[in-house]
Amino acid sequence: MNYRKFSGAASAAPLIVITILILAFGAWAQGTYKTLHKFNGKDGDSPSGRLIFDTAGNLYGTTNIGGKYSGCYFGTCGTVFELSPNAGGTWTEQVLHNFDGSDGTAPVGELIFDGAGSLYGTANRGGGPGDGVVFKLTPGANGSWTESTLFVFTGTDGEWPGGGLTFDASRNLYGTTGWGGDGGNVFELTPNGNGSWTESVLYVFTFDGINGWYPSGGSLVFDAAGNIYGTAAFGGKSGCSPYGNGCYGFGVVFELSPNGNGAWTEKVLHTFQGKDGESPTCTLVFDAAGNLYGTAFAGGDLSLCSGYGCGVVFELTPNAGGGWTEHVLHKFSGGKDGSVPFAGVVFDAAGNLYGTTTQGGAHGYGVVFKLTPNSKGGWNETVLHSFIDSPGAYPYSGLIFDAAGNLYGSTQGDGTKTFGSVYEITP
């Protein structure tokens, strides 16, 4: 699995190849950029999930491929890694787990911690049938980590999970699969007293369906009432996709609400139309007022990026009488302001948004951007960093802040000279 080729999602979704038009405008304000680690293939290759911190300031993440074992679906099988800061400002990497295929391969989503310090995540492929797994890494007293497979997907109960996991208040796990059943699903894993986990499929998407399909980008998010929110990259049946997927629509933002009897009801909050975005694959984020924010990796100005549109940042605002209204905060041009934002956005304390694009920028290898609200109700974009081929290229992961306000993320690299990196930006 390698997003450098611009696959629309992490599995059998049709390959999406876009030729980016590099235009010559966009705000620029260079942040201070520092490479914390360069992967070499043996210690990992092509990270794409967002990094997370532990309480001691160590960073954790996954690499799609690379590591100790080969012969997996995408070649090498992938890793889970930790980066620890040193007193002199350098960082030391430790590979916590090398996947071998039987325990999963291609871990593309971000990790999460439980209260005991164990890590949880998904692997897009591998396991017995090869349809992906949910895994747990438990720390040992001597610095070692032990992997256990919590659930192996078999196709009918889900196939090819591409996003991260989310805990509810009862410590049940929630996630999505891109395929399986029909057009993907939303699932719940409930822990049993004997250490095993039981899967419940909460909702099955229909391939080519009006309610969306292929919900396999980011992690799910909860509101205070226990409703679940996420994105589906395709479906909606509001237009014809330019990616060879037929006239099935450009994707949706959805909500799942519990009915009280164990069942869940899906509601489409927004159906993308192309000019307002196409194919959202992000983790959504709420602001304090209950508005949702995210990205779509295509759409916007359809005269750019070979007619696909270069992607957008959007806001969804709940209406007093029900329903949601979308506002496009920024349409990427494919030039210096970036293009193709796969990951979602994050807020700082002042209400500014930060994110990454996988392509575009001054050198064509993606950017880190900032969106600042202005007095006219719009948003102004500033490019904090424009990536070059080395040491980092193609930042598919989202961003995370540390306590001092520095940003951290990862790049995939070009797959020949570079194999990805972890970086820090001081805005």
Protein backbone atom coordinates (compact mmCIF):
# COMPACT_ATOMS: atom_id res chain seq x y z
CA MET A 1 0.00 0.00 0.00
CA ASN A 2 1.52 3.25 -1.11
CA TYR A 3 -0.38 6.50 -1.31
CA ARG A 4 2.41 8.16 -3.31
CA LYS A 5 0.70 6.87 -6.45
CA PHE A 6 -2.41 8.80 -5.35
CA SER A 7 -4.81 5.96 -4.70
CA GLY A 8 -8.13 7.37 -3.53
CA ALA A 9 -8.14 5.10 -0.49
CA ALA A 10 -6.27 2.23 1.06
CA SER A 11 -7.55 -0.78 -0.82
CA ALA A 12 -9.40 -1.85 -3.93
CA ALA A 13 -10.97 1.52 -4.67
CA PRO A 14 -10.15 2.45 -8.27
CA LEU A 15 -6.74 4.05 -8.66
CA ILE A 16 -7.02 7.79 -8.93
CA VAL A 17 -4.31 9.49 -10.92
CA ILE A 18 -4.32 13.25 -11.09
CA THR A 19 -1.97 15.52 -12.97
CA ILE A 20 -1.53 18.64 -10.89
CA LEU A 21 -1.36 22.04 -12.55
CA ILE A 22 1.18 24.15 -10.71
CA LEU A 23 -0.07 27.72 -10.60
CA ALA A 24 1.80 30.71 -9.32
CA PHE A 25 -0.07 32.25 -6.43
CA GLY A 26 -0.77 31.66 -2.73
CA ALA A 27 0.15 33.24 0.59
CA TRP A 28 3.52 32.31 2.03
CA ALA A 29 4.89 32.55 5.57
CA GLN A 30 7.62 30.04 6.26
CA GLY A 31 7.52 28.31 9.64
CA THR A 32 10.58 26.76 11.26
CA TYR A 33 10.85 23.21 9.90
CA LYS A 34 12.84 20.39 11.47
CA THR A 35 13.15 16.74 10.44
CA LEU A 36 13.00 14.52 13.52
CA HIS A 37 13.47 11.15 11.81
CA LYS A 38 14.09 9.78 8.31
CA PHE A 39 12.84 6.26 7.67
CA ASN A 40 15.14 3.92 5.76
CA GLY A 41 12.73 1.15 4.81
CA LYS A 42 13.99 -1.38 7.32
CA ASP A 43 12.65 0.70 10.21
CA GLY A 44 9.47 1.63 8.30
CA ASP A 45 8.34 3.17 5.06
CA SER A 46 5.47 5.48 4.04
CA PRO A 47 3.74 6.66 7.24
CA SER A 48 0.28 8.12 6.62
CA GLY A 49 -1.69 8.02 9.89
CA ARG A 50 -1.62 10.98 12.25
CA LEU A 51 0.94 10.82 15.06
CA ILE A 52 -0.05 10.76 18.74
CA PHE A 53 1.76 11.76 21.94
CA ASP A 54 1.98 9.95 25.26
CA THR A 55 2.14 11.88 28.54
CA ALA A 56 5.95 11.77 28.53
CA GLY A 57 6.19 13.54 25.16
CA ASN A 58 7.01 10.51 23.02
CA LEU A 59 5.48 10.23 19.55
CA TYR A 60 3.82 7.10 18.14
CA GLY A 61 2.73 6.17 14.66
CA THR A 62 2.53 3.53 11.95
CA THR A 63 4.16 2.97 8.58
CA ASN A 64 2.13 1.44 5.76
CA ILE A 65 5.00 -0.70 4.51
CA GLY A 66 8.62 -1.34 5.41
CA GLY A 67 9.97 -3.16 8.42
CA LYS A 68 11.43 -6.59 9.01
CA TYR A 69 9.06 -8.79 7.01
CA SER A 70 8.22 -8.97 3.31
CA GLY A 71 5.85 -11.03 1.18
CA CYS A 72 2.73 -9.14 2.26
CA TYR A 73 0.03 -7.78 -0.04
CA PHE A 74 1.84 -4.47 -0.60
CA GLY A 75 5.36 -5.92 -0.32
CA THR A 76 6.85 -5.28 3.09
CA CYS A 77 4.36 -5.52 5.92
CA GLY A 78 4.56 -2.29 7.94
CA THR A 79 5.47 -1.24 11.47
CA VAL A 80 4.42 0.56 14.63
CA PHE A 81 7.08 2.97 15.87
CA GLU A 82 7.92 5.29 18.77
CA LEU A 83 10.05 8.45 18.65
CA SER A 84 11.57 9.63 21.95
CA PRO A 85 13.10 13.10 22.42
CA ASN A 86 16.70 13.34 23.61
CA ALA A 87 18.24 16.08 25.74
CA GLY A 88 20.18 17.52 22.79
CA GLY A 89 17.13 18.06 20.62
CA THR A 90 17.44 14.84 18.60
CA TRP A 91 14.94 12.00 18.59
CA THR A 92 15.47 8.23 18.79
CA GLU A 93 13.22 5.78 16.96
CA GLN A 94 12.22 2.38 18.30
CA VAL A 95 10.22 -0.09 16.21
CA LEU A 96 7.60 -1.44 18.60
CA HIS A 97 6.18 -4.03 16.21
CA ASN A 98 6.95 -5.48 12.78
CA PHE A 99 3.86 -6.90 11.10
CA ASP A 100 4.34 -10.22 9.31
CA GLY A 101 1.00 -10.59 7.51
CA SER A 102 -0.56 -13.18 9.79
CA ASP A 103 -1.09 -10.48 12.41
CA GLY A 104 -1.97 -7.81 9.85
CA THR A 105 -0.25 -5.70 7.24
CA ALA A 106 -0.49 -2.09 6.01
CA PRO A 107 -1.48 -0.22 9.20
CA VAL A 108 -2.66 3.07 7.70
CA GLY A 109 -4.78 4.70 10.41
CA GLU A 110 -3.72 6.58 13.51
CA LEU A 111 -3.24 4.85 16.85
CA ILE A 112 -5.07 5.48 20.13
CA PHE A 113 -4.13 4.81 23.75
CA ASP A 114 -6.24 3.26 26.48
CA GLY A 115 -5.90 4.28 30.13
CA ALA A 116 -3.30 1.55 30.79
CA GLY A 117 -0.94 2.77 28.07
CA SER A 118 -1.74 0.12 25.47
CA LEU A 119 -2.01 1.09 21.80
CA TYR A 120 -4.85 0.16 19.44
CA GLY A 121 -5.07 0.37 15.67
CA THR A 122 -6.15 -1.26 12.43
CA ALA A 123 -4.24 -3.01 9.67
CA ASN A 124 -5.74 -2.67 6.20
CA ARG A 125 -4.92 -6.20 5.11
CA GLY A 126 -3.61 -9.43 6.59
CA GLY A 127 -4.96 -11.76 9.20
CA GLY A 128 -6.24 -15.20 8.22
CA PRO A 129 -8.51 -14.27 5.27
CA GLY A 130 -6.38 -11.23 4.43
CA ASP A 131 -9.20 -8.71 4.96
CA GLY A 132 -7.56 -6.75 7.78
CA VAL A 133 -7.43 -6.78 11.56
CA VAL A 134 -7.87 -4.71 14.70
CA PHE A 135 -4.77 -5.00 16.90
CA LYS A 136 -3.53 -4.05 20.35
CA LEU A 137 0.04 -3.41 21.52
CA THR A 138 0.68 -3.87 25.24
CA PRO A 139 3.83 -2.44 26.85
CA GLY A 140 6.03 -4.72 28.97
CA ALA A 141 8.15 -3.90 31.96
CA ASN A 142 11.43 -4.15 29.99
CA GLY A 143 10.45 -1.77 27.18
CA SER A 144 9.12 -4.49 24.90
CA TRP A 145 5.64 -4.48 23.36
CA THR A 146 3.39 -7.45 22.71
CA GLU A 147 0.88 -7.45 19.86
CA SER A 148 -2.46 -9.21 20.12
CA THR A 149 -5.07 -9.46 17.39
CA LEU A 150 -8.44 -8.38 18.74
CA PHE A 151 -10.49 -9.06 15.63
CA VAL A 152 -9.91 -10.52 12.16
CA PHE A 153 -12.24 -9.36 9.38
CA THR A 154 -13.62 -12.00 7.03
CA GLY A 155 -15.34 -9.94 4.32
CA THR A 156 -19.01 -10.20 5.24
CA ASP A 157 -18.37 -8.48 8.60
CA GLY A 158 -16.07 -5.90 7.06
CA GLU A 159 -13.08 -5.73 4.80
CA TRP A 160 -10.01 -3.48 4.56
CA PRO A 161 -10.22 -1.01 7.46
CA GLY A 162 -8.39 2.15 6.47
CA GLY A 163 -9.07 4.56 9.32
CA GLY A 164 -8.27 4.74 13.00
CA LEU A 165 -10.32 3.65 16.00
CA THR A 166 -12.35 5.61 18.55
CA PHE A 167 -13.30 4.68 22.14
CA ASP A 168 -16.69 5.49 23.62
CA ALA A 169 -17.20 6.23 27.33
CA SER A 170 -17.60 2.50 28.04
CA ARG A 171 -14.30 1.69 26.27
CA ASN A 172 -15.92 0.02 23.30
CA LEU A 173 -14.05 0.52 20.02
CA TYR A 174 -15.56 1.98 16.85
CA GLY A 175 -14.21 2.11 13.33
CA THR A 176 -14.98 1.70 9.64
CA THR A 177 -14.12 -0.68 6.82
CA GLY A 178 -13.92 0.41 3.20
CA TRP A 179 -15.49 -2.74 1.85
CA GLY A 180 -17.31 -5.76 3.16
CA GLY A 181 -21.01 -6.43 3.40
CA ASP A 182 -21.51 -4.22 0.35
CA GLY A 183 -19.98 -0.74 0.33
CA GLY A 184 -18.23 -0.76 3.71
CA ASN A 185 -19.49 -0.51 7.26
CA VAL A 186 -19.29 1.10 10.67
CA PHE A 187 -18.44 -1.44 13.37
CA GLU A 188 -18.23 -1.66 17.15
CA LEU A 189 -15.95 -3.98 19.13
CA THR A 190 -17.03 -4.83 22.68
CA PRO A 191 -14.57 -6.41 25.14
CA ASN A 192 -15.56 -9.69 26.79
CA GLY A 193 -14.57 -10.88 30.23
CA ASN A 194 -12.19 -13.52 28.83
CA GLY A 195 -10.11 -11.02 26.85
CA SER A 196 -11.82 -11.57 23.50
CA TRP A 197 -13.82 -8.94 21.62
CA THR A 198 -17.20 -9.18 19.89
CA GLU A 199 -17.93 -7.24 16.71
CA SER A 200 -21.28 -5.64 15.97
CA VAL A 201 -21.90 -4.10 12.56
CA LEU A 202 -23.77 -0.87 13.24
CA TYR A 203 -24.39 0.19 9.68
CA VAL A 204 -23.72 -1.26 6.21
CA PHE A 205 -23.22 1.13 3.31
CA THR A 206 -24.50 0.19 -0.11
CA PHE A 207 -22.16 0.24 -3.08
CA ASP A 208 -23.33 3.10 -5.36
CA GLY A 209 -25.78 4.08 -2.60
CA ILE A 210 -27.28 7.49 -1.93
CA ASN A 211 -26.11 7.26 1.71
CA GLY A 212 -22.46 7.01 0.68
CA TRP A 213 -19.97 4.19 0.34
CA TYR A 214 -16.30 3.56 1.10
CA PRO A 215 -16.16 5.14 4.60
CA SER A 216 -12.48 4.34 5.06
CA GLY A 217 -10.52 7.52 5.50
CA GLY A 218 -10.30 9.05 8.96
CA SER A 219 -11.47 8.09 12.41
CA LEU A 220 -15.03 8.48 13.66
CA VAL A 221 -15.93 11.24 16.13
CA PHE A 222 -18.64 11.37 18.82
CA ASP A 223 -20.75 14.28 19.99
CA ALA A 224 -21.87 14.69 23.60
CA ALA A 225 -25.14 12.85 22.90
CA GLY A 226 -23.37 9.71 21.64
CA ASN A 227 -23.95 10.25 17.93
CA ILE A 228 -21.18 9.23 15.52
CA TYR A 229 -19.92 11.36 12.62
CA GLY A 230 -17.76 10.39 9.67
CA THR A 231 -17.16 10.68 5.95
CA ALA A 232 -17.68 8.37 2.99
CA ALA A 233 -15.44 9.02 0.00
CA PHE A 234 -17.98 8.06 -2.65
CA GLY A 235 -21.73 7.79 -3.09
CA GLY A 236 -24.58 10.22 -2.73
CA LYS A 237 -25.64 9.81 -6.38
CA SER A 238 -25.55 13.52 -6.99
CA GLY A 239 -23.09 13.47 -9.85
CA CYS A 240 -20.70 11.46 -11.98
CA SER A 241 -17.31 10.81 -10.45
CA PRO A 242 -14.32 11.47 -12.70
CA TYR A 243 -12.45 8.54 -11.13
CA GLY A 244 -14.03 5.66 -13.02
CA ASN A 245 -16.58 4.94 -10.27
CA GLY A 246 -19.62 5.80 -12.36
CA CYS A 247 -22.41 8.23 -11.53
CA TYR A 248 -22.56 7.37 -7.87
CA GLY A 249 -21.77 10.74 -6.37
CA PHE A 250 -18.90 12.61 -4.79
CA GLY A 251 -19.16 11.41 -1.20
CA VAL A 252 -21.03 12.42 1.95
CA VAL A 253 -20.71 13.44 5.58
CA PHE A 254 -22.89 11.16 7.72
CA GLU A 255 -24.23 10.86 11.26
CA LEU A 256 -25.17 7.62 13.03
CA SER A 257 -27.60 7.91 15.95
CA PRO A 258 -28.35 5.12 18.46
CA ASN A 259 -31.98 4.10 18.67
CA GLY A 260 -31.90 2.70 22.19
CA ASN A 261 -32.58 -0.87 21.07
CA GLY A 262 -29.07 -1.57 19.79
CA ALA A 263 -29.80 -0.38 16.26
CA TRP A 264 -28.38 2.77 14.67
CA THR A 265 -29.90 5.15 12.12
CA GLU A 266 -27.80 6.87 9.48
CA LYS A 267 -28.50 10.41 8.32
CA VAL A 268 -26.63 12.16 5.52
CA LEU A 269 -25.66 15.63 6.71
CA HIS A 270 -24.17 16.75 3.42
CA THR A 271 -23.87 15.35 -0.09
CA PHE A 272 -20.97 16.80 -2.06
CA GLN A 273 -21.67 18.22 -5.51
CA GLY A 274 -18.18 18.66 -6.95
CA LYS A 275 -17.83 22.43 -6.77
CA ASP A 276 -18.14 22.25 -2.98
CA GLY A 277 -15.77 19.28 -2.71
CA GLU A 278 -15.36 15.66 -3.80
CA SER A 279 -14.30 12.54 -1.94
CA PRO A 280 -13.79 13.37 1.75
CA THR A 281 -11.39 10.95 3.47
CA CYS A 282 -10.67 12.92 6.64
CA THR A 283 -11.33 12.76 10.35
CA LEU A 284 -13.86 15.47 11.15
CA VAL A 285 -13.38 17.92 14.02
CA PHE A 286 -15.93 19.89 16.07
CA ASP A 287 -15.52 23.47 17.24
CA ALA A 288 -16.98 24.69 20.54
CA ALA A 289 -20.21 25.78 18.82
CA GLY A 290 -20.90 22.31 17.37
CA ASN A 291 -19.81 23.03 13.79
CA LEU A 292 -17.94 20.32 11.89
CA TYR A 293 -14.79 20.89 9.84
CA GLY A 294 -13.00 18.70 7.33
CA THR A 295 -11.40 18.39 3.92
CA ALA A 296 -12.26 16.82 0.58
CA PHE A 297 -9.26 15.79 -1.49
CA ALA A 298 -10.80 16.83 -4.82
CA GLY A 299 -13.46 19.23 -6.04
CA GLY A 300 -13.68 22.97 -5.66
CA ASP A 301 -12.69 24.88 -8.78
CA LEU A 302 -13.26 22.19 -11.42
CA SER A 303 -11.31 24.13 -14.03
CA LEU A 304 -8.10 23.28 -12.12
CA CYS A 305 -6.12 20.09 -11.48
CA SER A 306 -7.08 18.49 -14.80
CA GLY A 307 -10.78 19.03 -14.18
CA TYR A 308 -10.87 17.17 -10.87
CA GLY A 309 -10.59 20.22 -8.67
CA CYS A 310 -7.71 20.51 -6.21
CA GLY A 311 -9.66 19.94 -2.99
CA VAL A 312 -11.32 22.06 -0.33
CA VAL A 313 -11.56 22.76 3.39
CA PHE A 314 -15.20 22.88 4.50
CA GLU A 315 -17.39 23.68 7.49
CA LEU A 316 -20.81 22.18 8.26
CA THR A 317 -23.08 24.28 10.47
CA PRO A 318 -26.22 22.82 12.11
CA ASN A 319 -29.41 24.74 11.35
CA ALA A 320 -31.94 25.69 14.03
CA GLY A 321 -34.73 23.82 12.27
CA GLY A 322 -32.65 20.74 11.46
CA GLY A 323 -30.27 20.00 8.62
CA TRP A 324 -26.77 21.28 8.07
CA THR A 325 -25.35 23.99 5.83
CA GLU A 326 -21.93 23.65 4.19
CA HIS A 327 -19.47 26.55 3.78
CA VAL A 328 -16.32 26.14 1.71
CA LEU A 329 -13.55 27.86 3.66
CA HIS A 330 -10.81 27.39 1.08
CA LYS A 331 -10.54 26.00 -2.45
CA PHE A 332 -7.02 24.86 -3.27
CA SER A 333 -5.56 26.02 -6.56
CA GLY A 334 -2.91 23.38 -7.20
CA GLY A 335 -0.28 26.09 -7.03
CA LYS A 336 1.73 27.34 -4.07
CA ASP A 337 -1.29 27.01 -1.76
CA GLY A 338 -1.28 23.21 -2.22
CA SER A 339 -3.65 20.58 -3.55
CA VAL A 340 -5.17 17.20 -2.62
CA PRO A 341 -5.73 17.37 1.17
CA PHE A 342 -6.27 13.80 2.36
CA ALA A 343 -6.09 14.38 6.12
CA GLY A 344 -8.35 16.54 8.26
CA VAL A 345 -7.63 19.82 10.03
CA VAL A 346 -6.85 20.77 13.64
CA PHE A 347 -7.59 23.91 15.67
CA ASP A 348 -5.19 25.98 17.71
CA ALA A 349 -6.34 27.82 20.84
CA ALA A 350 -7.08 30.98 18.84
CA GLY A 351 -9.46 29.23 16.43
CA ASN A 352 -7.13 28.92 13.45
CA LEU A 353 -7.13 25.74 11.37
CA TYR A 354 -4.04 23.78 10.29
CA GLY A 355 -3.65 20.96 7.80
CA THR A 356 -1.62 19.39 5.02
CA THR A 357 -1.96 18.85 1.30
CA THR A 358 -0.26 15.91 -0.39
CA GLN A 359 0.62 17.77 -3.57
CA GLY A 360 1.10 21.30 -4.83
CA GLY A 361 3.18 23.93 -3.10
CA ALA A 362 6.29 25.64 -4.39
CA HIS A 363 7.92 22.31 -5.33
CA GLY A 364 4.91 20.09 -6.01
CA TYR A 365 5.35 17.82 -2.98
CA GLY A 366 2.67 19.23 -0.67
CA VAL A 367 2.36 21.89 2.03
CA VAL A 368 1.48 22.57 5.64
CA PHE A 369 -1.14 25.33 5.69
CA LYS A 370 -2.91 27.58 8.18
CA LEU A 371 -6.40 29.07 7.76
CA THR A 372 -7.21 32.19 9.74
CA PRO A 373 -10.75 33.63 10.03
CA ASN A 374 -11.02 37.23 8.84
CA SER A 375 -13.38 40.08 9.75
CA LYS A 376 -15.47 39.55 6.61
CA GLY A 377 -16.50 36.02 7.55
CA GLY A 378 -13.98 34.36 5.23
CA TRP A 379 -10.71 32.58 5.88
CA ASN A 380 -7.20 33.46 4.74
CA GLU A 381 -4.67 30.74 3.92
CA THR A 382 -0.99 30.92 4.85
CA VAL A 383 1.54 28.30 3.74
CA LEU A 384 3.79 27.41 6.68
CA HIS A 385 5.96 24.96 4.79
CA SER A 386 6.30 23.75 1.21
CA PHE A 387 7.85 20.27 1.00
CA ILE A 388 10.72 19.29 -1.26
CA ASP A 389 11.68 15.82 -2.44
CA SER A 390 14.22 15.32 0.35
CA PRO A 391 13.99 14.83 3.27
CA GLY A 392 10.20 14.73 3.07
CA ALA A 393 7.60 14.58 0.33
CA TYR A 394 3.86 13.90 0.18
CA PRO A 395 2.48 14.56 3.70
CA TYR A 396 -0.59 12.32 3.87
CA SER A 397 -0.89 12.44 7.65
CA GLY A 398 -2.73 15.06 9.63
CA LEU A 399 -1.12 17.29 12.23
CA ILE A 400 -0.91 17.26 16.01
CA PHE A 401 0.12 20.02 18.44
CA ASP A 402 2.39 19.68 21.43
CA ALA A 403 1.82 21.73 24.61
CA ALA A 404 4.11 24.50 23.33
CA GLY A 405 2.13 24.95 20.10
CA ASN A 406 4.53 23.16 17.76
CA LEU A 407 3.08 21.03 14.96
CA TYR A 408 4.09 17.44 14.17
CA GLY A 409 3.37 15.29 11.16
CA SER A 410 4.86 12.77 8.74
CA THR A 411 5.63 12.47 5.04
CA GLN A 412 5.58 9.37 2.85
CA GLY A 413 8.70 10.07 0.83
CA ASP A 414 9.21 9.23 -2.84
CA GLY A 415 9.82 5.49 -2.35
CA THR A 416 13.20 5.47 -4.08
CA LYS A 417 15.50 7.97 -2.40
CA THR A 418 13.33 8.69 0.64
CA PHE A 419 10.97 6.46 2.62
CA GLY A 420 9.15 9.02 4.71
CA SER A 421 9.96 11.23 7.64
CA VAL A 422 8.60 12.72 10.86
CA TYR A 423 8.84 16.50 11.14
CA GLU A 424 8.18 19.38 13.51
CA ILE A 425 7.07 22.90 12.53
CA THR A 426 7.13 25.91 14.79
CA PRO A 427 4.48 28.26 13.29
